[in-house]
All heavy atoms as atom14 arrays in JSON, in Angstrom:
{
  "sequence": "KTNMTSEQFCDYILEDADVAILPGTSFGRFGE",
  "atom14_mask": [
    [1, 1, 1, 1, 1, 1, 1, 1, 1, 0, 0, 0, 0, 0],
    [1, 1, 1, 1, 1, 1, 1, 0, 0, 0, 0, 0, 0, 0],
    [1, 1, 1, 1, 1, 1, 1, 1, 0, 0, 0, 0, 0, 0],
    [1, 1, 1, 1, 1, 1, 1, 1, 0, 0, 0, 0, 0, 0],
    [1, 1, 1, 1, 1, 1, 1, 0, 0, 0, 0, 0, 0, 0],
    [1, 1, 1, 1, 1, 1, 0, 0, 0, 0, 0, 0, 0, 0],
    [1, 1, 1, 1, 1, 1, 1, 1, 1, 0, 0, 0, 0, 0],
    [1, 1, 1, 1, 1, 1, 1, 1, 1, 0, 0, 0, 0, 0],
    [1, 1, 1, 1, 1, 1, 1, 1, 1, 1, 1, 0, 0, 0],
    [1, 1, 1, 1, 1, 1, 0, 0, 0, 0, 0, 0, 0, 0],
    [1, 1, 1, 1, 1, 1, 1, 1, 0, 0, 0, 0, 0, 0],
    [1, 1, 1, 1, 1, 1, 1, 1, 1, 1, 1, 1, 0, 0],
    [1, 1, 1, 1, 1, 1, 1, 1, 0, 0, 0, 0, 0, 0],
    [1, 1, 1, 1, 1, 1, 1, 1, 0, 0, 0, 0, 0, 0],
    [1, 1, 1, 1, 1, 1, 1, 1, 1, 0, 0, 0, 0, 0],
    [1, 1, 1, 1, 1, 1, 1, 1, 0, 0, 0, 0, 0, 0],
    [1, 1, 1, 1, 1, 0, 0, 0, 0, 0, 0, 0, 0, 0],
    [1, 1, 1, 1, 1, 1, 1, 1, 0, 0, 0, 0, 0, 0],
    [1, 1, 1, 1, 1, 1, 1, 0, 0, 0, 0, 0, 0, 0],
    [1, 1, 1, 1, 1, 0, 0, 0, 0, 0, 0, 0, 0, 0],
    [1, 1, 1, 1, 1, 1, 1, 1, 0, 0, 0, 0, 0, 0],
    [1, 1, 1, 1, 1, 1, 1, 1, 0, 0, 0, 0, 0, 0],
    [1, 1, 1, 1, 1, 1, 1, 0, 0, 0, 0, 0, 0, 0],
    [1, 1, 1, 1, 0, 0, 0, 0, 0, 0, 0, 0, 0, 0],
    [1, 1, 1, 1, 1, 1, 1, 0, 0, 0, 0, 0, 0, 0],
    [1, 1, 1, 1, 1, 1, 0, 0, 0, 0, 0, 0, 0, 0],
    [1, 1, 1, 1, 1, 1, 1, 1, 1, 1, 1, 0, 0, 0],
    [1, 1, 1, 1, 0, 0, 0, 0, 0, 0, 0, 0, 0, 0],
    [1, 1, 1, 1, 1, 1, 1, 1, 1, 1, 1, 0, 0, 0],
    [1, 1, 1, 1, 1, 1, 1, 1, 1, 1, 1, 0, 0, 0],
    [1, 1, 1, 1, 0, 0, 0, 0, 0, 0, 0, 0, 0, 0],
    [1, 1, 1, 1, 1, 1, 1, 1, 1, 0, 0, 0, 0, 0]
  ],
  "atom14_positions": [
    [[42.27, 183.69, 8.54], [43.13, 184.23, 7.48], [42.34, 184.6, 6.23], [42.85, 185.31, 5.35], [44.24, 183.27, 7.16], [45.26, 183.09, 8.28], [46.31, 182.08, 7.9], [47.3, 181.81, 9.04], [48.26, 180.75, 8.68], [0.0, 0.0, 0.0], [0.0, 0.0, 0.0], [0.0, 0.0, 0.0], [0.0, 0.0, 0.0], [0.0, 0.0, 0.0]],
    [[41.12, 184.1, 6.1], [40.32, 184.42, 4.92], [39.68, 185.81, 5.03], [39.13, 186.31, 4.04], [39.18, 183.4, 4.74], [38.26, 183.51, 5.82], [39.76, 181.98, 4.67], [0.0, 0.0, 0.0], [0.0, 0.0, 0.0], [0.0, 0.0, 0.0], [0.0, 0.0, 0.0], [0.0, 0.0, 0.0], [0.0, 0.0, 0.0], [0.0, 0.0, 0.0]],
    [[39.75, 186.41, 6.23], [39.14, 187.73, 6.47], [37.64, 187.72, 6.29], [37.03, 188.76, 6.01], [39.79, 188.82, 5.61], [41.26, 189.01, 5.93], [41.63, 189.08, 7.1], [42.09, 189.07, 4.91], [0.0, 0.0, 0.0], [0.0, 0.0, 0.0], [0.0, 0.0, 0.0], [0.0, 0.0, 0.0], [0.0, 0.0, 0.0], [0.0, 0.0, 0.0]],
    [[37.05, 186.55, 6.41], [35.59, 186.39, 6.37], [35.09, 186.07, 7.77], [35.81, 185.51, 8.59], [35.17, 185.28, 5.43], [35.42, 185.53, 3.98], [34.79, 184.11, 3.02], [35.02, 184.69, 1.33], [0.0, 0.0, 0.0], [0.0, 0.0, 0.0], [0.0, 0.0, 0.0], [0.0, 0.0, 0.0], [0.0, 0.0, 0.0], [0.0, 0.0, 0.0]],
    [[33.84, 186.41, 8.03], [33.21, 185.9, 9.25], [32.9, 184.42, 9.04], [32.9, 183.92, 7.88], [31.91, 186.63, 9.57], [30.93, 186.32, 8.56], [32.11, 188.14, 9.65], [0.0, 0.0, 0.0], [0.0, 0.0, 0.0], [0.0, 0.0, 0.0], [0.0, 0.0, 0.0], [0.0, 0.0, 0.0], [0.0, 0.0, 0.0], [0.0, 0.0, 0.0]],
    [[32.61, 183.73, 10.09], [32.28, 182.3, 9.99], [31.08, 182.08, 9.06], [31.1, 181.18, 8.23], [31.98, 181.72, 11.38], [33.14, 181.81, 12.19], [0.0, 0.0, 0.0], [0.0, 0.0, 0.0], [0.0, 0.0, 0.0], [0.0, 0.0, 0.0], [0.0, 0.0, 0.0], [0.0, 0.0, 0.0], [0.0, 0.0, 0.0], [0.0, 0.0, 0.0]],
    [[30.08, 182.91, 9.22], [28.88, 182.78, 8.43], [29.13, 183.1, 6.95], [28.65, 182.38, 6.06], [27.76, 183.66, 8.97], [26.38, 183.37, 8.38], [25.26, 184.0, 9.14], [25.45, 184.37, 10.31], [24.17, 184.12, 8.55], [0.0, 0.0, 0.0], [0.0, 0.0, 0.0], [0.0, 0.0, 0.0], [0.0, 0.0, 0.0], [0.0, 0.0, 0.0]],
    [[29.9, 184.12, 6.7], [30.27, 184.49, 5.33], [31.03, 183.32, 4.63], [30.76, 183.0, 3.48], [31.1, 185.74, 5.3], [30.32, 187.01, 5.61], [31.24, 188.23, 5.82], [32.44, 188.06, 6.04], [30.66, 189.42, 5.74], [0.0, 0.0, 0.0], [0.0, 0.0, 0.0], [0.0, 0.0, 0.0], [0.0, 0.0, 0.0], [0.0, 0.0, 0.0]],
    [[31.98, 182.75, 5.38], [32.76, 181.65, 4.83], [31.88, 180.46, 4.46], [32.01, 179.89, 3.37], [33.86, 181.24, 5.82], [34.77, 180.17, 5.29], [35.87, 180.49, 4.53], [34.55, 178.83, 5.58], [36.73, 179.51, 4.04], [35.39, 177.84, 5.1], [36.49, 178.17, 4.33], [0.0, 0.0, 0.0], [0.0, 0.0, 0.0], [0.0, 0.0, 0.0]],
    [[30.98, 180.11, 5.37], [30.11, 178.94, 5.1], [29.2, 179.19, 3.91], [28.98, 178.3, 3.1], [29.29, 178.63, 6.34], [30.28, 177.95, 7.71], [0.0, 0.0, 0.0], [0.0, 0.0, 0.0], [0.0, 0.0, 0.0], [0.0, 0.0, 0.0], [0.0, 0.0, 0.0], [0.0, 0.0, 0.0], [0.0, 0.0, 0.0], [0.0, 0.0, 0.0]],
    [[28.67, 180.42, 3.84], [27.8, 180.75, 2.69], [28.6, 180.66, 1.39], [28.09, 180.16, 0.38], [27.23, 182.16, 2.85], [26.11, 182.24, 3.9], [25.6, 181.17, 4.28], [25.82, 183.35, 4.38], [0.0, 0.0, 0.0], [0.0, 0.0, 0.0], [0.0, 0.0, 0.0], [0.0, 0.0, 0.0], [0.0, 0.0, 0.0], [0.0, 0.0, 0.0]],
    [[29.83, 181.16, 1.41], [30.67, 181.17, 0.21], [30.98, 179.74, -0.21], [30.88, 179.39, -1.42], [31.96, 181.93, 0.49], [32.97, 181.85, -0.64], [32.73, 182.36, -1.87], [34.19, 181.18, -0.41], [33.67, 182.27, -2.92], [35.13, 181.08, -1.43], [34.87, 181.62, -2.68], [35.79, 181.49, -3.69], [0.0, 0.0, 0.0], [0.0, 0.0, 0.0]],
    [[31.34, 178.88, 0.74], [31.71, 177.51, 0.4], [30.49, 176.73, -0.08], [30.62, 175.91, -1.02], [32.34, 176.8, 1.63], [33.7, 177.44, 1.96], [32.52, 175.33, 1.38], [34.72, 177.36, 0.87], [0.0, 0.0, 0.0], [0.0, 0.0, 0.0], [0.0, 0.0, 0.0], [0.0, 0.0, 0.0], [0.0, 0.0, 0.0], [0.0, 0.0, 0.0]],
    [[29.34, 177.01, 0.47], [28.13, 176.34, -0.01], [27.79, 176.77, -1.43], [27.48, 175.94, -2.29], [26.95, 176.62, 0.95], [25.62, 175.98, 0.55], [25.72, 174.47, 0.49], [24.52, 176.4, 1.53], [0.0, 0.0, 0.0], [0.0, 0.0, 0.0], [0.0, 0.0, 0.0], [0.0, 0.0, 0.0], [0.0, 0.0, 0.0], [0.0, 0.0, 0.0]],
    [[27.83, 178.05, -1.67], [27.46, 178.59, -2.98], [28.51, 178.29, -4.07], [28.15, 177.99, -5.2], [27.24, 180.09, -2.89], [26.05, 180.48, -2.03], [26.01, 181.97, -1.68], [26.82, 182.73, -2.26], [25.19, 182.36, -0.86], [0.0, 0.0, 0.0], [0.0, 0.0, 0.0], [0.0, 0.0, 0.0], [0.0, 0.0, 0.0], [0.0, 0.0, 0.0]],
    [[29.8, 178.36, -3.72], [30.83, 178.18, -4.74], [31.3, 176.73, -4.87], [31.64, 176.3, -5.97], [32.06, 179.06, -4.36], [33.05, 179.14, -5.49], [32.76, 179.88, -6.47], [34.11, 178.46, -5.44], [0.0, 0.0, 0.0], [0.0, 0.0, 0.0], [0.0, 0.0, 0.0], [0.0, 0.0, 0.0], [0.0, 0.0, 0.0], [0.0, 0.0, 0.0]],
    [[31.29, 175.98, -3.75], [31.82, 174.63, -3.78], [30.77, 173.53, -3.58], [31.09, 172.35, -3.72], [32.9, 174.48, -2.71], [0.0, 0.0, 0.0], [0.0, 0.0, 0.0], [0.0, 0.0, 0.0], [0.0, 0.0, 0.0], [0.0, 0.0, 0.0], [0.0, 0.0, 0.0], [0.0, 0.0, 0.0], [0.0, 0.0, 0.0], [0.0, 0.0, 0.0]],
    [[29.56, 173.92, -3.27], [28.52, 172.96, -2.97], [28.9, 172.02, -1.83], [28.67, 170.8, -1.86], [28.14, 172.14, -4.22], [27.55, 172.98, -5.32], [26.89, 173.99, -5.0], [27.71, 172.64, -6.49], [0.0, 0.0, 0.0], [0.0, 0.0, 0.0], [0.0, 0.0, 0.0], [0.0, 0.0, 0.0], [0.0, 0.0, 0.0], [0.0, 0.0, 0.0]],
    [[29.53, 172.58, -0.81], [29.89, 171.86, 0.4], [29.22, 172.56, 1.58], [29.38, 173.77, 1.77], [31.42, 171.84, 0.59], [31.79, 171.16, 1.92], [32.09, 171.1, -0.56], [0.0, 0.0, 0.0], [0.0, 0.0, 0.0], [0.0, 0.0, 0.0], [0.0, 0.0, 0.0], [0.0, 0.0, 0.0], [0.0, 0.0, 0.0], [0.0, 0.0, 0.0]],
    [[28.51, 171.76, 2.39], [27.74, 172.33, 3.5], [28.51, 172.12, 4.81], [28.82, 170.99, 5.2], [26.39, 171.66, 3.6], [0.0, 0.0, 0.0], [0.0, 0.0, 0.0], [0.0, 0.0, 0.0], [0.0, 0.0, 0.0], [0.0, 0.0, 0.0], [0.0, 0.0, 0.0], [0.0, 0.0, 0.0], [0.0, 0.0, 0.0], [0.0, 0.0, 0.0]],
    [[28.85, 173.26, 5.46], [29.5, 173.22, 6.78], [28.81, 174.25, 7.66], [28.02, 175.06, 7.19], [31.02, 173.55, 6.65], [31.24, 174.89, 5.94], [31.74, 172.43, 5.91], [32.7, 175.25, 5.73], [0.0, 0.0, 0.0], [0.0, 0.0, 0.0], [0.0, 0.0, 0.0], [0.0, 0.0, 0.0], [0.0, 0.0, 0.0], [0.0, 0.0, 0.0]],
    [[29.11, 174.23, 8.94], [28.42, 175.12, 9.88], [29.36, 176.18, 10.43], [30.51, 175.89, 10.78], [27.86, 174.32, 11.06], [26.52, 173.64, 10.88], [26.13, 172.93, 12.19], [25.42, 174.64, 10.49], [0.0, 0.0, 0.0], [0.0, 0.0, 0.0], [0.0, 0.0, 0.0], [0.0, 0.0, 0.0], [0.0, 0.0, 0.0], [0.0, 0.0, 0.0]],
    [[28.88, 177.42, 10.55], [29.7, 178.46, 11.17], [29.9, 178.2, 12.65], [28.99, 177.7, 13.33], [28.87, 179.74, 10.94], [27.46, 179.28, 10.7], [27.58, 177.94, 10.08], [0.0, 0.0, 0.0], [0.0, 0.0, 0.0], [0.0, 0.0, 0.0], [0.0, 0.0, 0.0], [0.0, 0.0, 0.0], [0.0, 0.0, 0.0], [0.0, 0.0, 0.0]],
    [[31.08, 178.57, 13.14], [31.37, 178.37, 14.56], [30.42, 179.11, 15.46], [30.16, 178.71, 16.59], [0.0, 0.0, 0.0], [0.0, 0.0, 0.0], [0.0, 0.0, 0.0], [0.0, 0.0, 0.0], [0.0, 0.0, 0.0], [0.0, 0.0, 0.0], [0.0, 0.0, 0.0], [0.0, 0.0, 0.0], [0.0, 0.0, 0.0], [0.0, 0.0, 0.0]],
    [[29.85, 180.24, 14.94], [28.93, 181.03, 15.74], [27.6, 180.34, 15.96], [26.78, 180.77, 16.76], [28.7, 182.4, 15.07], [28.48, 182.19, 13.65], [29.89, 183.29, 15.26], [0.0, 0.0, 0.0], [0.0, 0.0, 0.0], [0.0, 0.0, 0.0], [0.0, 0.0, 0.0], [0.0, 0.0, 0.0], [0.0, 0.0, 0.0], [0.0, 0.0, 0.0]],
    [[27.35, 179.24, 15.24], [26.15, 178.42, 15.52], [26.26, 177.8, 16.9], [25.26, 177.33, 17.47], [26.01, 177.32, 14.47], [25.72, 177.85, 13.2], [0.0, 0.0, 0.0], [0.0, 0.0, 0.0], [0.0, 0.0, 0.0], [0.0, 0.0, 0.0], [0.0, 0.0, 0.0], [0.0, 0.0, 0.0], [0.0, 0.0, 0.0], [0.0, 0.0, 0.0]],
    [[27.47, 177.76, 17.44], [27.73, 177.09, 18.71], [28.12, 178.11, 19.81], [28.53, 177.72, 20.89], [28.84, 176.05, 18.55], [28.53, 175.06, 17.46], [28.96, 175.27, 16.15], [27.76, 173.96, 17.72], [28.66, 174.36, 15.16], [27.43, 173.05, 16.72], [27.9, 173.26, 15.43], [0.0, 0.0, 0.0], [0.0, 0.0, 0.0], [0.0, 0.0, 0.0]],
    [[27.94, 179.4, 19.52], [28.25, 180.42, 20.5], [29.15, 181.49, 19.92], [29.81, 181.29, 18.91], [0.0, 0.0, 0.0], [0.0, 0.0, 0.0], [0.0, 0.0, 0.0], [0.0, 0.0, 0.0], [0.0, 0.0, 0.0], [0.0, 0.0, 0.0], [0.0, 0.0, 0.0], [0.0, 0.0, 0.0], [0.0, 0.0, 0.0], [0.0, 0.0, 0.0]],
    [[29.16, 182.65, 20.59], [29.88, 183.78, 20.01], [31.4, 183.55, 19.99], [32.12, 184.16, 19.17], [29.57, 185.06, 20.82], [29.92, 185.05, 22.27], [29.66, 186.44, 22.88], [29.88, 186.5, 24.32], [28.92, 186.35, 25.2], [27.69, 186.14, 24.82], [29.18, 186.42, 26.5], [0.0, 0.0, 0.0], [0.0, 0.0, 0.0], [0.0, 0.0, 0.0]],
    [[31.94, 182.68, 20.87], [33.35, 182.42, 20.83], [33.76, 181.47, 19.69], [34.95, 181.14, 19.55], [33.83, 181.88, 22.2], [33.75, 182.89, 23.29], [32.8, 182.75, 24.31], [34.55, 183.99, 23.33], [32.69, 183.69, 25.33], [34.48, 184.95, 24.34], [33.53, 184.79, 25.34], [0.0, 0.0, 0.0], [0.0, 0.0, 0.0], [0.0, 0.0, 0.0]],
    [[32.78, 181.06, 18.9], [33.06, 180.27, 17.71], [33.35, 181.09, 16.49], [33.66, 180.55, 15.41], [0.0, 0.0, 0.0], [0.0, 0.0, 0.0], [0.0, 0.0, 0.0], [0.0, 0.0, 0.0], [0.0, 0.0, 0.0], [0.0, 0.0, 0.0], [0.0, 0.0, 0.0], [0.0, 0.0, 0.0], [0.0, 0.0, 0.0], [0.0, 0.0, 0.0]],
    [[33.29, 182.45, 16.63], [33.59, 183.29, 15.5], [35.06, 183.08, 15.06], [35.97, 182.96, 15.88], [33.42, 184.76, 15.88], [33.64, 185.74, 14.72], [32.76, 185.45, 13.51], [31.6, 185.91, 13.51], [33.25, 184.76, 12.58], [0.0, 0.0, 0.0], [0.0, 0.0, 0.0], [0.0, 0.0, 0.0], [0.0, 0.0, 0.0], [0.0, 0.0, 0.0]]
  ]
}
């Protein structure tokens, strides 16, 4: 619902909130 890719969302949360999480695509393309 954020209209971001998994990687974009993780980058945004790290940069804006200082919270480190991993994109679903780190675990395969069906993690998008």
